Amino acid sequence: METVQITTEYITLQQLLKHVDAISSGGMVKWYLEENEVLVNGERENRRGRKLYEGDKVSVPELGEITVSR
């Protein structure tokens, strides 16, 4: 399990995916979310602007689970 530290109140799902190198650019996020089952707190998520707060858990195919912390 990986932990991503944030210094703001939240991070968007798109920013998180770019931060962990799941995507190389923001333009890829829509395709990536359509083609891969990304889970936020156990539920499938396809909104790139989804706000992730401290304690949220994101499951990304081939990268595993990522926890957001401050």
N, C-alpha and C. Protein backbone atom coordinates (compact mmCIF):
# COMPACT_ATOMS: atom_id res chain seq x y z
N MET A 1 0.83 -1.17 0.00
CA MET A 1 0.00 0.00 0.00
C MET A 1 0.89 1.25 0.00
N GLU A 2 0.54 2.18 -0.86
CA GLU A 2 1.29 3.43 -0.99
C GLU A 2 0.50 4.55 -0.32
N THR A 3 1.20 5.54 0.18
CA THR A 3 0.56 6.70 0.78
C THR A 3 0.96 7.94 0.01
N VAL A 4 -0.01 8.78 -0.32
CA VAL A 4 0.25 10.04 -1.00
C VAL A 4 -0.04 11.16 -0.02
N GLN A 5 0.97 11.97 0.25
CA GLN A 5 0.83 13.11 1.17
C GLN A 5 0.32 14.32 0.40
N ILE A 6 -0.70 14.98 0.95
CA ILE A 6 -1.19 16.21 0.33
C ILE A 6 -1.01 17.35 1.33
N THR A 7 -0.86 18.54 0.79
CA THR A 7 -0.69 19.73 1.64
C THR A 7 -1.92 20.63 1.58
N THR A 8 -2.87 20.26 0.73
CA THR A 8 -4.11 21.02 0.58
C THR A 8 -5.25 20.22 1.20
N GLU A 9 -6.44 20.75 1.17
CA GLU A 9 -7.59 20.07 1.75
C GLU A 9 -7.92 18.78 1.01
N TYR A 10 -7.76 18.81 -0.33
CA TYR A 10 -8.08 17.63 -1.14
C TYR A 10 -7.18 17.59 -2.37
N ILE A 11 -7.24 16.44 -3.06
CA ILE A 11 -6.57 16.26 -4.36
C ILE A 11 -7.61 15.61 -5.27
N THR A 12 -7.61 15.97 -6.54
CA THR A 12 -8.57 15.34 -7.44
C THR A 12 -8.04 13.98 -7.88
N LEU A 13 -8.95 13.15 -8.32
CA LEU A 13 -8.55 11.82 -8.79
C LEU A 13 -7.57 11.94 -9.95
N GLN A 14 -7.79 12.88 -10.84
CA GLN A 14 -6.87 13.08 -11.97
C GLN A 14 -5.48 13.44 -11.47
N GLN A 15 -5.37 14.33 -10.51
CA GLN A 15 -4.07 14.72 -9.97
C GLN A 15 -3.38 13.53 -9.30
N LEU A 16 -4.15 12.73 -8.58
CA LEU A 16 -3.58 11.56 -7.91
C LEU A 16 -3.04 10.56 -8.92
N LEU A 17 -3.81 10.28 -9.96
CA LEU A 17 -3.37 9.32 -10.98
C LEU A 17 -2.11 9.79 -11.68
N LYS A 18 -2.01 11.10 -11.91
CA LYS A 18 -0.80 11.64 -12.53
C LYS A 18 0.37 11.56 -11.54
N HIS A 19 0.12 11.83 -10.28
CA HIS A 19 1.16 11.81 -9.25
C HIS A 19 1.79 10.42 -9.10
N VAL A 20 0.98 9.37 -9.20
CA VAL A 20 1.49 8.00 -9.02
C VAL A 20 1.89 7.37 -10.36
N ASP A 21 1.93 8.17 -11.41
CA ASP A 21 2.36 7.74 -12.74
C ASP A 21 1.46 6.68 -13.38
N ALA A 22 0.18 6.69 -13.02
CA ALA A 22 -0.77 5.80 -13.70
C ALA A 22 -1.08 6.36 -15.09
N ILE A 23 -1.03 7.69 -15.22
CA ILE A 23 -1.20 8.36 -16.50
C ILE A 23 -0.05 9.35 -16.67
N SER A 24 0.28 9.64 -17.92
CA SER A 24 1.40 10.56 -18.16
C SER A 24 0.95 11.99 -18.37
N SER A 25 -0.34 12.17 -18.71
CA SER A 25 -0.86 13.52 -18.89
C SER A 25 -2.32 13.56 -18.49
N GLY A 26 -2.80 14.75 -18.19
CA GLY A 26 -4.19 14.90 -17.79
C GLY A 26 -5.18 14.50 -18.88
N GLY A 27 -4.75 14.60 -20.14
CA GLY A 27 -5.63 14.23 -21.24
C GLY A 27 -5.94 12.75 -21.31
N MET A 28 -5.13 11.94 -20.67
CA MET A 28 -5.33 10.49 -20.71
C MET A 28 -6.34 10.00 -19.67
N VAL A 29 -6.71 10.85 -18.73
CA VAL A 29 -7.49 10.38 -17.58
C VAL A 29 -8.87 9.85 -17.97
N LYS A 30 -9.56 10.50 -18.89
CA LYS A 30 -10.89 10.03 -19.28
C LYS A 30 -10.81 8.61 -19.86
N TRP A 31 -9.88 8.40 -20.77
CA TRP A 31 -9.69 7.07 -21.34
C TRP A 31 -9.32 6.06 -20.26
N TYR A 32 -8.38 6.44 -19.38
CA TYR A 32 -7.90 5.53 -18.34
C TYR A 32 -9.06 5.08 -17.44
N LEU A 33 -9.91 6.01 -17.04
CA LEU A 33 -11.02 5.66 -16.15
C LEU A 33 -12.07 4.81 -16.86
N GLU A 34 -12.21 4.95 -18.16
CA GLU A 34 -13.15 4.11 -18.91
C GLU A 34 -12.62 2.70 -19.08
N GLU A 35 -11.32 2.57 -19.26
CA GLU A 35 -10.71 1.26 -19.55
C GLU A 35 -10.27 0.48 -18.31
N ASN A 36 -10.15 1.14 -17.16
CA ASN A 36 -9.66 0.48 -15.95
C ASN A 36 -10.63 0.68 -14.80
N GLU A 37 -10.71 -0.32 -13.95
CA GLU A 37 -11.60 -0.25 -12.80
C GLU A 37 -10.87 0.40 -11.62
N VAL A 38 -11.07 1.71 -11.48
CA VAL A 38 -10.48 2.45 -10.39
C VAL A 38 -11.53 2.56 -9.29
N LEU A 39 -11.16 2.16 -8.08
CA LEU A 39 -12.10 2.18 -6.96
C LEU A 39 -11.69 3.24 -5.95
N VAL A 40 -12.67 4.00 -5.48
CA VAL A 40 -12.45 4.97 -4.40
C VAL A 40 -13.30 4.50 -3.23
N ASN A 41 -12.64 4.17 -2.14
CA ASN A 41 -13.32 3.65 -0.96
C ASN A 41 -14.24 2.47 -1.30
N GLY A 42 -13.75 1.61 -2.21
CA GLY A 42 -14.46 0.39 -2.55
C GLY A 42 -15.51 0.53 -3.64
N GLU A 43 -15.75 1.73 -4.16
CA GLU A 43 -16.76 1.94 -5.19
C GLU A 43 -16.11 2.43 -6.48
N ARG A 44 -16.56 1.89 -7.61
CA ARG A 44 -16.00 2.29 -8.91
C ARG A 44 -16.20 3.78 -9.12
N GLU A 45 -15.17 4.42 -9.62
CA GLU A 45 -15.22 5.87 -9.85
C GLU A 45 -14.75 6.18 -11.25
N ASN A 46 -15.51 7.03 -11.96
CA ASN A 46 -15.11 7.43 -13.30
C ASN A 46 -15.11 8.95 -13.48
N ARG A 47 -15.23 9.68 -12.37
CA ARG A 47 -15.19 11.15 -12.43
C ARG A 47 -13.77 11.62 -12.15
N ARG A 48 -13.14 12.22 -13.15
CA ARG A 48 -11.75 12.64 -12.98
C ARG A 48 -11.60 13.74 -11.95
N GLY A 49 -12.65 14.52 -11.73
CA GLY A 49 -12.60 15.62 -10.77
C GLY A 49 -12.99 15.23 -9.36
N ARG A 50 -13.21 13.95 -9.12
CA ARG A 50 -13.60 13.48 -7.78
C ARG A 50 -12.59 13.97 -6.76
N LYS A 51 -13.07 14.63 -5.71
CA LYS A 51 -12.19 15.16 -4.68
C LYS A 51 -11.87 14.06 -3.69
N LEU A 52 -10.59 13.89 -3.42
CA LEU A 52 -10.12 12.88 -2.48
C LEU A 52 -9.56 13.59 -1.26
N TYR A 53 -10.04 13.17 -0.10
CA TYR A 53 -9.64 13.79 1.16
C TYR A 53 -8.79 12.84 1.98
N GLU A 54 -8.22 13.35 3.05
CA GLU A 54 -7.41 12.54 3.95
C GLU A 54 -8.20 11.30 4.38
N GLY A 55 -7.56 10.15 4.27
CA GLY A 55 -8.20 8.89 4.66
C GLY A 55 -8.84 8.13 3.53
N ASP A 56 -9.06 8.77 2.39
CA ASP A 56 -9.64 8.07 1.24
C ASP A 56 -8.65 7.04 0.72
N LYS A 57 -9.20 5.92 0.26
CA LYS A 57 -8.39 4.84 -0.29
C LYS A 57 -8.77 4.65 -1.75
N VAL A 58 -7.75 4.61 -2.60
CA VAL A 58 -7.96 4.48 -4.05
C VAL A 58 -7.25 3.22 -4.51
N SER A 59 -7.98 2.35 -5.20
CA SER A 59 -7.41 1.12 -5.73
C SER A 59 -7.22 1.30 -7.24
N VAL A 60 -5.95 1.20 -7.67
CA VAL A 60 -5.60 1.42 -9.07
C VAL A 60 -5.03 0.12 -9.63
N PRO A 61 -5.57 -0.36 -10.78
CA PRO A 61 -5.04 -1.59 -11.36
C PRO A 61 -3.52 -1.52 -11.55
N GLU A 62 -2.85 -2.59 -11.19
CA GLU A 62 -1.40 -2.77 -11.33
C GLU A 62 -0.57 -1.89 -10.39
N LEU A 63 -1.19 -0.97 -9.67
CA LEU A 63 -0.46 -0.15 -8.71
C LEU A 63 -0.87 -0.48 -7.28
N GLY A 64 -2.04 -1.06 -7.10
CA GLY A 64 -2.51 -1.43 -5.77
C GLY A 64 -3.30 -0.32 -5.11
N GLU A 65 -3.30 -0.35 -3.79
CA GLU A 65 -4.10 0.60 -3.03
C GLU A 65 -3.25 1.80 -2.60
N ILE A 66 -3.85 2.97 -2.73
CA ILE A 66 -3.18 4.21 -2.38
C ILE A 66 -4.04 4.92 -1.35
N THR A 67 -3.43 5.38 -0.27
CA THR A 67 -4.14 6.10 0.77
C THR A 67 -3.73 7.57 0.73
N VAL A 68 -4.70 8.45 0.87
CA VAL A 68 -4.43 9.88 0.89
C VAL A 68 -4.24 10.30 2.34
N SER A 69 -3.17 11.02 2.62
CA SER A 69 -2.93 11.51 3.99
C SER A 69 -2.38 12.92 3.93
N ARG A 70 -2.43 13.59 5.09
CA ARG A 70 -1.92 14.97 5.17
C ARG A 70 -0.70 15.01 6.03
